[in-house]
Amino acid sequence: MDPPLAPPRTSPDAPAHTRVSPPPRRRILHHIKLNHDSQRPEALAKNFMLLSEVNANIESVQRLYVDIERDYISFMENNVSKSGGKQIS
């Protein structure tokens, strides 16, 4: 289970340059939790859009990892086979 979402680590009264804002993914998850807890119909409808955004982001990251894996395998096949298995510098 994921740890509970924490608010920013600094007080809202702190000077702007010292405030720490949560990363975008945590802000989205925080809003989803608040909307869910409120149980208001408009908030729950908003969650549908937010969860769609989260799913799209996850799919995008997944595609990036697939591309990285494919490129790495291709690189290794092309370069290691040419060097006879020796380390490439």
Protein backbone atom coordinates (compact mmCIF):
# COMPACT_ATOMS: atom_id res chain seq x y z
CA MET A 1 0.00 0.00 0.00
CA ASP A 2 1.26 3.47 -0.87
CA PRO A 3 2.06 5.87 1.96
CA PRO A 4 -0.55 8.59 2.54
CA LEU A 5 -0.17 11.75 0.53
CA ALA A 6 1.60 14.38 2.57
CA PRO A 7 1.09 18.12 2.27
CA PRO A 8 4.05 20.29 1.26
CA ARG A 9 6.82 20.14 3.86
CA THR A 10 6.82 23.86 4.53
CA SER A 11 4.20 26.18 5.90
CA PRO A 12 2.07 28.20 3.47
CA ASP A 13 3.22 31.24 5.45
CA ALA A 14 6.86 30.55 4.54
CA PRO A 15 8.51 32.82 1.97
CA ALA A 16 7.74 31.74 -1.60
CA HIS A 17 11.33 30.77 -2.39
CA THR A 18 11.38 28.27 0.51
CA ARG A 19 8.07 26.54 -0.21
CA VAL A 20 8.23 23.01 -1.55
CA SER A 21 5.46 22.04 -3.93
CA PRO A 22 4.68 18.37 -4.51
CA PRO A 23 5.50 16.90 -7.92
CA PRO A 24 2.65 17.02 -10.48
CA ARG A 25 1.77 13.33 -10.09
CA ARG A 26 1.33 13.73 -6.34
CA ARG A 27 -0.81 16.84 -6.84
CA ILE A 28 -3.10 14.89 -9.18
CA LEU A 29 -3.33 11.97 -6.73
CA HIS A 30 -4.00 14.40 -3.87
CA HIS A 31 -6.87 16.01 -5.81
CA ILE A 32 -8.30 12.57 -6.63
CA LYS A 33 -8.25 11.66 -2.94
CA LEU A 34 -9.91 14.93 -1.90
CA ASN A 35 -12.57 14.53 -4.58
CA HIS A 36 -13.24 10.95 -3.52
CA ASP A 37 -13.47 11.89 0.14
CA SER A 38 -15.97 14.67 -0.59
CA GLN A 39 -18.35 12.26 -2.42
CA ARG A 40 -19.83 15.24 -4.30
CA PRO A 41 -21.09 14.23 -7.77
CA GLU A 42 -19.15 17.00 -9.55
CA ALA A 43 -15.96 16.03 -7.68
CA LEU A 44 -16.39 12.38 -8.60
CA ALA A 45 -16.94 13.38 -12.24
CA LYS A 46 -13.71 15.40 -12.06
CA ASN A 47 -11.97 12.25 -10.81
CA PHE A 48 -12.91 10.49 -14.02
CA MET A 49 -10.96 13.12 -15.98
CA LEU A 50 -8.03 13.07 -13.55
CA LEU A 51 -7.81 9.28 -13.60
CA SER A 52 -7.91 9.33 -17.40
CA GLU A 53 -4.96 11.74 -17.32
CA VAL A 54 -3.06 9.47 -14.90
CA ASN A 55 -3.71 6.45 -17.15
CA ALA A 56 -2.51 8.36 -20.22
CA ASN A 57 0.66 9.37 -18.37
CA ILE A 58 1.32 5.77 -17.31
CA GLU A 59 0.83 4.55 -20.88
CA SER A 60 3.23 7.23 -22.14
CA VAL A 61 5.92 6.19 -19.64
CA GLN A 62 5.37 2.54 -20.52
CA ARG A 63 5.92 3.31 -24.22
CA LEU A 64 9.11 5.19 -23.37
CA TYR A 65 10.47 2.20 -21.45
CA VAL A 66 9.62 -0.13 -24.34
CA ASP A 67 11.47 2.21 -26.72
CA ILE A 68 14.48 2.40 -24.40
CA GLU A 69 14.57 -1.39 -24.07
CA ARG A 70 14.34 -1.87 -27.85
CA ASP A 71 17.11 0.68 -28.49
CA TYR A 72 19.34 -0.86 -25.83
CA ILE A 73 18.89 -4.37 -27.22
CA SER A 74 19.59 -3.11 -30.73
CA PHE A 75 22.70 -1.25 -29.54
CA MET A 76 24.03 -4.28 -27.70
CA GLU A 77 23.36 -6.62 -30.61
CA ASN A 78 25.09 -4.30 -33.07
CA ASN A 79 28.08 -3.35 -30.94
CA VAL A 80 28.84 -6.38 -28.80
CA SER A 81 28.68 -8.78 -31.75
CA LYS A 82 31.10 -6.56 -33.70
CA SER A 83 33.59 -6.45 -30.83
CA GLY A 84 33.53 -10.21 -30.33
CA GLY A 85 31.98 -9.86 -26.85
CA LYS A 86 34.74 -7.52 -25.64
CA GLN A 87 33.89 -4.48 -23.56
CA ILE A 88 33.18 -1.39 -25.63
CA SER A 89 34.77 1.83 -24.41
